[in-house]
Amino acid sequence: MIYSNKLKKIKKIGVYDVTVVKDNPLVEKGKIRSYFLHTYALKEINDNLECLAVQNDEICIFKVRDKHFYGVSFHPEVLNKEIITNFLYL
């Protein structure tokens, strides 16, 4: 569980389009391609988290409200190194 949000069992391997839906300091709004390798994902969130990006119906970038805590469900070190760099300069 992540801040009282349950993960769903979903196997995903490969490169997928991600839609960044909310302005944030990690990545610009719009479309990015990201590499996924996981067996669990967030499909729904409560008020503790903010959805920043989605891949179809999965939440793949989120932020804990009122904190500088972020999470991603893909591997940014593969295709999205700028997310790591931007995180380091928060």
C-alpha atoms as a PDB file:
ATOM      1  CA  MET A   1       0.000   0.000   0.000  1.00  0.00           C
ATOM      2  CA  ILE A   2       1.084   3.527  -0.755  1.00  0.00           C
ATOM      3  CA  TYR A   3      -0.486   6.109   1.578  1.00  0.00           C
ATOM      4  CA  SER A   4      -3.525   3.820   1.962  1.00  0.00           C
ATOM      5  CA  ASN A   5      -3.775   3.217  -1.806  1.00  0.00           C
ATOM      6  CA  LYS A   6      -3.847  -0.418  -2.900  1.00  0.00           C
ATOM      7  CA  LEU A   7      -1.746  -1.737  -5.759  1.00  0.00           C
ATOM      8  CA  LYS A   8      -3.393  -3.952  -8.390  1.00  0.00           C
ATOM      9  CA  LYS A   9      -1.615  -6.970  -9.855  1.00  0.00           C
ATOM     10  CA  ILE A  10      -0.817  -5.974 -13.455  1.00  0.00           C
ATOM     11  CA  LYS A  11       2.110  -7.361 -15.422  1.00  0.00           C
ATOM     12  CA  LYS A  12       3.668  -4.803 -17.771  1.00  0.00           C
ATOM     13  CA  ILE A  13       6.951  -5.125 -19.650  1.00  0.00           C
ATOM     14  CA  GLY A  14       8.083  -2.869 -22.475  1.00  0.00           C
ATOM     15  CA  VAL A  15       8.035   0.696 -23.781  1.00  0.00           C
ATOM     16  CA  TYR A  16       4.706   2.541 -23.570  1.00  0.00           C
ATOM     17  CA  ASP A  17       3.368   6.039 -24.150  1.00  0.00           C
ATOM     18  CA  VAL A  18       2.794   8.027 -20.960  1.00  0.00           C
ATOM     19  CA  THR A  19       0.610  11.135 -20.769  1.00  0.00           C
ATOM     20  CA  VAL A  20       1.761  13.761 -18.277  1.00  0.00           C
ATOM     21  CA  VAL A  21      -1.532  15.333 -17.184  1.00  0.00           C
ATOM     22  CA  LYS A  22      -0.440  17.867 -14.565  1.00  0.00           C
ATOM     23  CA  ASP A  23       2.321  20.457 -14.402  1.00  0.00           C
ATOM     24  CA  ASN A  24       5.121  19.296 -12.139  1.00  0.00           C
ATOM     25  CA  PRO A  25       8.869  19.826 -11.617  1.00  0.00           C
ATOM     26  CA  LEU A  26       9.891  16.350 -12.852  1.00  0.00           C
ATOM     27  CA  VAL A  27       8.711  16.293 -16.463  1.00  0.00           C
ATOM     28  CA  GLU A  28       6.874  18.600 -18.864  1.00  0.00           C
ATOM     29  CA  LYS A  29       3.195  18.134 -19.589  1.00  0.00           C
ATOM     30  CA  GLY A  30       2.502  16.109 -22.734  1.00  0.00           C
ATOM     31  CA  LYS A  31       3.565  12.684 -24.025  1.00  0.00           C
ATOM     32  CA  ILE A  32       6.711  10.736 -23.165  1.00  0.00           C
ATOM     33  CA  ARG A  33       7.841   7.167 -23.868  1.00  0.00           C
ATOM     34  CA  SER A  34       8.843   5.127 -20.820  1.00  0.00           C
ATOM     35  CA  TYR A  35      10.106   1.634 -20.058  1.00  0.00           C
ATOM     36  CA  PHE A  36       7.945  -0.441 -17.709  1.00  0.00           C
ATOM     37  CA  LEU A  37       8.883  -3.630 -15.885  1.00  0.00           C
ATOM     38  CA  HIS A  38       6.468  -4.316 -13.037  1.00  0.00           C
ATOM     39  CA  THR A  39       3.775  -6.641 -11.745  1.00  0.00           C
ATOM     40  CA  TYR A  40       1.799  -4.133  -9.630  1.00  0.00           C
ATOM     41  CA  ALA A  41       0.337  -0.717 -10.424  1.00  0.00           C
ATOM     42  CA  LEU A  42      -1.896   2.022  -9.032  1.00  0.00           C
ATOM     43  CA  LYS A  43      -5.268   2.214 -10.775  1.00  0.00           C
ATOM     44  CA  GLU A  44      -7.066   4.457  -8.270  1.00  0.00           C
ATOM     45  CA  ILE A  45      -5.832   6.947  -5.684  1.00  0.00           C
ATOM     46  CA  ASN A  46      -7.327   8.720  -2.703  1.00  0.00           C
ATOM     47  CA  ASP A  47      -6.837  12.337  -1.637  1.00  0.00           C
ATOM     48  CA  ASN A  48      -3.372  11.585  -0.193  1.00  0.00           C
ATOM     49  CA  LEU A  49      -1.835  11.434  -3.700  1.00  0.00           C
ATOM     50  CA  GLU A  50      -1.934  13.597  -6.823  1.00  0.00           C
ATOM     51  CA  CYS A  51      -1.882  11.949 -10.230  1.00  0.00           C
ATOM     52  CA  LEU A  52       0.756  13.566 -12.465  1.00  0.00           C
ATOM     53  CA  ALA A  53       0.879  11.069 -15.365  1.00  0.00           C
ATOM     54  CA  VAL A  54      -1.000   8.043 -16.678  1.00  0.00           C
ATOM     55  CA  GLN A  55      -0.461   5.136 -19.039  1.00  0.00           C
ATOM     56  CA  ASN A  56      -3.917   4.127 -20.227  1.00  0.00           C
ATOM     57  CA  ASP A  57      -5.777   3.659 -16.917  1.00  0.00           C
ATOM     58  CA  GLU A  58      -2.709   3.271 -14.684  1.00  0.00           C
ATOM     59  CA  ILE A  59      -1.253   6.074 -12.590  1.00  0.00           C
ATOM     60  CA  CYS A  60       2.446   6.057 -13.391  1.00  0.00           C
ATOM     61  CA  ILE A  61       3.739   9.288 -11.817  1.00  0.00           C
ATOM     62  CA  PHE A  62       2.285  10.552  -8.553  1.00  0.00           C
ATOM     63  CA  LYS A  63       3.065  13.021  -5.789  1.00  0.00           C
ATOM     64  CA  VAL A  64       2.174  12.869  -2.112  1.00  0.00           C
ATOM     65  CA  ARG A  65       0.042  15.941  -1.410  1.00  0.00           C
ATOM     66  CA  ASP A  66       1.761  18.755   0.510  1.00  0.00           C
ATOM     67  CA  LYS A  67       5.148  16.972   0.401  1.00  0.00           C
ATOM     68  CA  HIS A  68       8.038  16.641  -2.050  1.00  0.00           C
ATOM     69  CA  PHE A  69       7.559  12.852  -2.252  1.00  0.00           C
ATOM     70  CA  TYR A  70       7.172  11.494  -5.783  1.00  0.00           C
ATOM     71  CA  GLY A  71       6.745   8.017  -7.222  1.00  0.00           C
ATOM     72  CA  VAL A  72       6.955   6.460 -10.679  1.00  0.00           C
ATOM     73  CA  SER A  73       5.903   3.002 -11.860  1.00  0.00           C
ATOM     74  CA  PHE A  74       8.385   2.817 -14.730  1.00  0.00           C
ATOM     75  CA  HIS A  75      12.171   2.890 -14.931  1.00  0.00           C
ATOM     76  CA  PRO A  76      13.221   6.503 -15.648  1.00  0.00           C
ATOM     77  CA  GLU A  77      16.898   5.502 -15.837  1.00  0.00           C
ATOM     78  CA  VAL A  78      16.196   3.751 -19.168  1.00  0.00           C
ATOM     79  CA  LEU A  79      14.512   6.450 -21.313  1.00  0.00           C
ATOM     80  CA  ASN A  80      13.747   9.393 -19.002  1.00  0.00           C
ATOM     81  CA  LYS A  81      16.965  10.388 -17.270  1.00  0.00           C
ATOM     82  CA  GLU A  82      15.755  14.017 -17.122  1.00  0.00           C
ATOM     83  CA  ILE A  83      13.209  12.941 -14.476  1.00  0.00           C
ATOM     84  CA  ILE A  84      16.053  11.788 -12.222  1.00  0.00           C
ATOM     85  CA  THR A  85      18.040  14.977 -12.862  1.00  0.00           C
ATOM     86  CA  ASN A  86      14.995  17.162 -12.173  1.00  0.00           C
ATOM     87  CA  PHE A  87      14.287  15.250  -8.964  1.00  0.00           C
ATOM     88  CA  LEU A  88      17.835  15.824  -7.731  1.00  0.00           C
ATOM     89  CA  TYR A  89      17.385  19.609  -8.118  1.00  0.00           C
ATOM     90  CA  LEU A  90      14.069  19.899  -6.215  1.00  0.00           C
END
